[in-house]
């Protein structure tokens, strides 16, 4: 995956590794990841990019966030399965970044890449990801089962 230079410039820690180095001596983002990866962080990132899902009532949910009681509450309010999936699978980027000070364009780029991995990784089960939010506070990702959409 090629990442544009303007996005790379916004990565302050990565940029610090290359500070003052000539172009011939700069490290790549791949090298940066290798230098900083731990089994814990790498497996956590793998879970974020291809999360474990559970199936409940023909819908797919992030296993780490699913709560049957909460599903029941949304169902009692009359929400359809896609609406419930979108709500229960909803993850704010500020949660992922632990409220770090990150510019919206960079956070939006990351959100779109996570959703790309979700949609690609789950296309065989008809699950797709979606990005929403026009501010850093509202920026979120979710996923839902496309075949559960009702055709009007």
C-alpha atoms as a PDB file:
ATOM      1  CA  UNK A   1       0.000   0.000   0.000  1.00  0.00           C
ATOM      2  CA  UNK A   2       1.538   3.283  -1.117  1.00  0.00           C
ATOM      3  CA  UNK A   3       0.998   6.205   1.236  1.00  0.00           C
ATOM      4  CA  UNK A   4       1.310   9.727  -0.162  1.00  0.00           C
ATOM      5  CA  UNK A   5       4.074  12.036   1.045  1.00  0.00           C
ATOM      6  CA  UNK A   6       1.637  14.569   2.531  1.00  0.00           C
ATOM      7  CA  UNK A   7       0.241  11.849   4.826  1.00  0.00           C
ATOM      8  CA  UNK A   8       3.756  10.655   5.761  1.00  0.00           C
ATOM      9  CA  UNK A   9       4.717  14.246   6.713  1.00  0.00           C
ATOM     10  CA  UNK A  10       1.893  14.238   9.272  1.00  0.00           C
ATOM     11  CA  UNK A  11       3.384  11.219  11.088  1.00  0.00           C
ATOM     12  CA  UNK A  12       5.471  13.022  13.693  1.00  0.00           C
ATOM     13  CA  UNK A  13       7.199  10.001  15.258  1.00  0.00           C
ATOM     14  CA  UNK A  14       8.042   8.486  11.880  1.00  0.00           C
ATOM     15  CA  UNK A  15       9.324  11.882  10.695  1.00  0.00           C
ATOM     16  CA  UNK A  16      11.546  12.167  13.782  1.00  0.00           C
ATOM     17  CA  UNK A  17      13.351   8.965  12.760  1.00  0.00           C
ATOM     18  CA  UNK A  18      14.298  10.625   9.471  1.00  0.00           C
ATOM     19  CA  UNK A  19      15.033  14.085  10.811  1.00  0.00           C
ATOM     20  CA  UNK A  20      18.268  15.497   9.422  1.00  0.00           C
ATOM     21  CA  UNK A  21      18.944  12.438   7.263  1.00  0.00           C
ATOM     22  CA  UNK A  22      19.661  12.635   3.568  1.00  0.00           C
ATOM     23  CA  UNK A  23      17.137  10.946   1.265  1.00  0.00           C
ATOM     24  CA  UNK A  24      19.553   8.019   0.825  1.00  0.00           C
ATOM     25  CA  UNK A  25      19.604   7.342   4.574  1.00  0.00           C
ATOM     26  CA  UNK A  26      15.934   7.770   5.452  1.00  0.00           C
ATOM     27  CA  UNK A  27      14.003   4.767   6.657  1.00  0.00           C
ATOM     28  CA  UNK A  28      10.793   3.581   5.054  1.00  0.00           C
ATOM     29  CA  UNK A  29       7.481   3.244   6.831  1.00  0.00           C
ATOM     30  CA  UNK A  30       7.980  -0.527   6.574  1.00  0.00           C
ATOM     31  CA  UNK A  31      11.339  -0.211   8.393  1.00  0.00           C
ATOM     32  CA  UNK A  32       9.749   2.055  10.988  1.00  0.00           C
ATOM     33  CA  UNK A  33       7.063  -0.558  11.669  1.00  0.00           C
ATOM     34  CA  UNK A  34       9.684  -3.294  11.987  1.00  0.00           C
ATOM     35  CA  UNK A  35      11.799  -1.209  14.381  1.00  0.00           C
ATOM     36  CA  UNK A  36       8.802  -0.457  16.628  1.00  0.00           C
ATOM     37  CA  UNK A  37       6.645  -3.591  16.430  1.00  0.00           C
ATOM     38  CA  UNK A  38       6.154  -5.829  19.406  1.00  0.00           C
ATOM     39  CA  UNK A  39       4.134  -9.035  19.327  1.00  0.00           C
ATOM     40  CA  UNK A  40       1.501  -7.293  21.472  1.00  0.00           C
ATOM     41  CA  UNK A  41       1.149  -4.218  19.250  1.00  0.00           C
ATOM     42  CA  UNK A  42       1.312  -6.208  16.022  1.00  0.00           C
ATOM     43  CA  UNK A  43      -1.367  -8.689  17.085  1.00  0.00           C
ATOM     44  CA  UNK A  44      -3.525  -5.837  18.390  1.00  0.00           C
ATOM     45  CA  UNK A  45      -3.258  -4.047  15.050  1.00  0.00           C
ATOM     46  CA  UNK A  46      -4.079  -7.287  13.236  1.00  0.00           C
ATOM     47  CA  UNK A  47      -7.232  -7.593  15.360  1.00  0.00           C
ATOM     48  CA  UNK A  48      -8.161  -4.005  14.522  1.00  0.00           C
ATOM     49  CA  UNK A  49      -7.671  -4.536  10.776  1.00  0.00           C
ATOM     50  CA  UNK A  50      -9.367  -7.948  10.654  1.00  0.00           C
ATOM     51  CA  UNK A  51     -11.426  -8.188  13.836  1.00  0.00           C
ATOM     52  CA  UNK A  52     -13.043 -11.307  15.194  1.00  0.00           C
ATOM     53  CA  UNK A  53     -16.749 -11.308  14.403  1.00  0.00           C
ATOM     54  CA  UNK A  54     -19.704 -13.165  15.823  1.00  0.00           C
ATOM     55  CA  UNK A  55     -22.962 -13.884  14.066  1.00  0.00           C
ATOM     56  CA  UNK A  56     -26.142 -13.137  15.972  1.00  0.00           C
ATOM     57  CA  UNK A  57     -29.578 -13.268  14.337  1.00  0.00           C
ATOM     58  CA  UNK A  58     -28.060 -13.214  10.823  1.00  0.00           C
ATOM     59  CA  UNK A  59     -25.987 -10.132  11.616  1.00  0.00           C
ATOM     60  CA  UNK A  60     -22.262  -9.688  12.153  1.00  0.00           C
ATOM     61  CA  UNK A  61     -20.813  -7.970  15.196  1.00  0.00           C
ATOM     62  CA  UNK A  62     -17.370  -7.124  16.481  1.00  0.00           C
ATOM     63  CA  UNK A  63     -16.822  -9.862  19.029  1.00  0.00           C
ATOM     64  CA  UNK A  64     -14.982  -7.512  21.391  1.00  0.00           C
ATOM     65  CA  UNK A  65     -17.952  -5.113  21.527  1.00  0.00           C
ATOM     66  CA  UNK A  66     -21.006  -7.386  21.282  1.00  0.00           C
ATOM     67  CA  UNK A  67     -23.551  -7.434  24.097  1.00  0.00           C
ATOM     68  CA  UNK A  68     -26.728  -9.487  23.654  1.00  0.00           C
ATOM     69  CA  UNK A  69     -28.639  -7.324  26.134  1.00  0.00           C
ATOM     70  CA  UNK A  70     -27.743  -4.144  24.240  1.00  0.00           C
ATOM     71  CA  UNK A  71     -28.848  -5.831  21.003  1.00  0.00           C
ATOM     72  CA  UNK A  72     -32.205  -6.549  22.643  1.00  0.00           C
ATOM     73  CA  UNK A  73     -32.624  -2.935  23.740  1.00  0.00           C
ATOM     74  CA  UNK A  74     -32.026  -1.633  20.215  1.00  0.00           C
ATOM     75  CA  UNK A  75     -34.323  -4.291  18.785  1.00  0.00           C
ATOM     76  CA  UNK A  76     -37.094  -3.312  21.219  1.00  0.00           C
ATOM     77  CA  UNK A  77     -36.794   0.265  19.936  1.00  0.00           C
ATOM     78  CA  UNK A  78     -37.720  -1.044  16.477  1.00  0.00           C
ATOM     79  CA  UNK A  79     -34.356  -0.706  14.743  1.00  0.00           C
ATOM     80  CA  UNK A  80     -33.676  -3.062  11.851  1.00  0.00           C
ATOM     81  CA  UNK A  81     -30.664  -5.392  11.808  1.00  0.00           C
ATOM     82  CA  UNK A  82     -28.427  -3.089   9.737  1.00  0.00           C
ATOM     83  CA  UNK A  83     -29.097  -0.118  12.029  1.00  0.00           C
ATOM     84  CA  UNK A  84     -28.296  -2.261  15.060  1.00  0.00           C
ATOM     85  CA  UNK A  85     -25.089  -3.545  13.439  1.00  0.00           C
ATOM     86  CA  UNK A  86     -23.982  -0.002  12.589  1.00  0.00           C
ATOM     87  CA  UNK A  87     -24.630   1.210  16.140  1.00  0.00           C
ATOM     88  CA  UNK A  88     -23.095  -1.738  17.969  1.00  0.00           C
ATOM     89  CA  UNK A  89     -20.037  -1.944  15.661  1.00  0.00           C
ATOM     90  CA  UNK A  90     -19.454   1.818  15.825  1.00  0.00           C
ATOM     91  CA  UNK A  91     -15.890   2.782  16.840  1.00  0.00           C
ATOM     92  CA  UNK A  92     -14.718   6.393  17.153  1.00  0.00           C
ATOM     93  CA  UNK A  93     -11.261   7.206  15.847  1.00  0.00           C
ATOM     94  CA  UNK A  94     -10.620   9.176  19.027  1.00  0.00           C
ATOM     95  CA  UNK A  95     -11.054   5.860  20.874  1.00  0.00           C
ATOM     96  CA  UNK A  96      -8.529   4.159  18.601  1.00  0.00           C
ATOM     97  CA  UNK A  97      -6.079   7.049  18.999  1.00  0.00           C
ATOM     98  CA  UNK A  98      -6.858   7.457  22.720  1.00  0.00           C
ATOM     99  CA  UNK A  99      -7.806  11.121  22.191  1.00  0.00           C
ATOM    100  CA  UNK A 100      -4.360  12.050  20.843  1.00  0.00           C
ATOM    101  CA  UNK A 101      -4.181  15.373  19.028  1.00  0.00           C
ATOM    102  CA  UNK A 102      -4.496  14.233  15.416  1.00  0.00           C
ATOM    103  CA  UNK A 103      -5.562  16.323  12.452  1.00  0.00           C
ATOM    104  CA  UNK A 104      -8.829  15.342  10.808  1.00  0.00           C
ATOM    105  CA  UNK A 105      -7.349  14.582   7.345  1.00  0.00           C
ATOM    106  CA  UNK A 106      -4.870  12.091   8.828  1.00  0.00           C
ATOM    107  CA  UNK A 107      -7.529  10.472  11.030  1.00  0.00           C
ATOM    108  CA  UNK A 108      -9.921  10.285   8.042  1.00  0.00           C
ATOM    109  CA  UNK A 109      -7.188   8.626   5.957  1.00  0.00           C
ATOM    110  CA  UNK A 110      -6.651   6.018   8.695  1.00  0.00           C
ATOM    111  CA  UNK A 111     -10.411   5.439   9.023  1.00  0.00           C
ATOM    112  CA  UNK A 112     -10.723   4.872   5.278  1.00  0.00           C
ATOM    113  CA  UNK A 113      -7.839   2.378   5.313  1.00  0.00           C
ATOM    114  CA  UNK A 114      -9.325   0.415   8.228  1.00  0.00           C
ATOM    115  CA  UNK A 115     -12.670   0.267   6.410  1.00  0.00           C
ATOM    116  CA  UNK A 116     -10.846  -0.853   3.252  1.00  0.00           C
ATOM    117  CA  UNK A 117      -9.323  -3.775   5.170  1.00  0.00           C
ATOM    118  CA  UNK A 118     -12.671  -4.641   6.745  1.00  0.00           C
ATOM    119  CA  UNK A 119     -14.551  -4.551   3.446  1.00  0.00           C
ATOM    120  CA  UNK A 120     -11.837  -6.539   1.634  1.00  0.00           C
ATOM    121  CA  UNK A 121     -11.367  -9.064   4.405  1.00  0.00           C
ATOM    122  CA  UNK A 122     -15.064  -9.736   4.887  1.00  0.00           C
ATOM    123  CA  UNK A 123     -16.333  -9.541   1.315  1.00  0.00           C
ATOM    124  CA  UNK A 124     -16.856 -13.313   1.282  1.00  0.00           C
ATOM    125  CA  UNK A 125     -19.474 -12.950   4.053  1.00  0.00           C
ATOM    126  CA  UNK A 126     -21.033  -9.775   2.578  1.00  0.00           C
ATOM    127  CA  UNK A 127     -19.850  -7.506   5.409  1.00  0.00           C
ATOM    128  CA  UNK A 128     -18.663  -4.013   4.546  1.00  0.00           C
ATOM    129  CA  UNK A 129     -17.177  -1.134   6.460  1.00  0.00           C
ATOM    130  CA  UNK A 130     -18.301   2.474   6.494  1.00  0.00           C
ATOM    131  CA  UNK A 131     -16.750   5.778   7.589  1.00  0.00           C
ATOM    132  CA  UNK A 132     -18.824   8.628   9.016  1.00  0.00           C
ATOM    133  CA  UNK A 133     -18.182  11.999  10.603  1.00  0.00           C
ATOM    134  CA  UNK A 134     -16.968  15.358   9.372  1.00  0.00           C
ATOM    135  CA  UNK A 135     -14.981  16.359  12.477  1.00  0.00           C
ATOM    136  CA  UNK A 136     -12.321  14.571  14.501  1.00  0.00           C
ATOM    137  CA  UNK A 137     -14.798  14.227  17.381  1.00  0.00           C
ATOM    138  CA  UNK A 138     -17.441  12.624  15.153  1.00  0.00           C
ATOM    139  CA  UNK A 139     -15.181  10.521  12.946  1.00  0.00           C
ATOM    140  CA  UNK A 140     -16.105   6.846  13.291  1.00  0.00           C
ATOM    141  CA  UNK A 141     -16.010   3.505  11.530  1.00  0.00           C
ATOM    142  CA  UNK A 142     -18.527   0.703  11.565  1.00  0.00           C
ATOM    143  CA  UNK A 143     -19.438  -2.423   9.667  1.00  0.00           C
ATOM    144  CA  UNK A 144     -22.650  -4.157   8.669  1.00  0.00           C
ATOM    145  CA  UNK A 145     -24.008  -7.038   6.626  1.00  0.00           C
ATOM    146  CA  UNK A 146     -24.832  -5.680   3.187  1.00  0.00           C
ATOM    147  CA  UNK A 147     -27.314  -8.444   2.356  1.00  0.00           C
ATOM    148  CA  UNK A 148     -29.438  -7.342   5.353  1.00  0.00           C
ATOM    149  CA  UNK A 149     -30.207  -4.004   3.677  1.00  0.00           C
ATOM    150  CA  UNK A 150     -33.876  -3.817   2.815  1.00  0.00           C
ATOM    151  CA  UNK A 151     -34.693  -2.963  -0.777  1.00  0.00           C
ATOM    152  CA  UNK A 152     -37.535  -0.465  -1.006  1.00  0.00           C
END
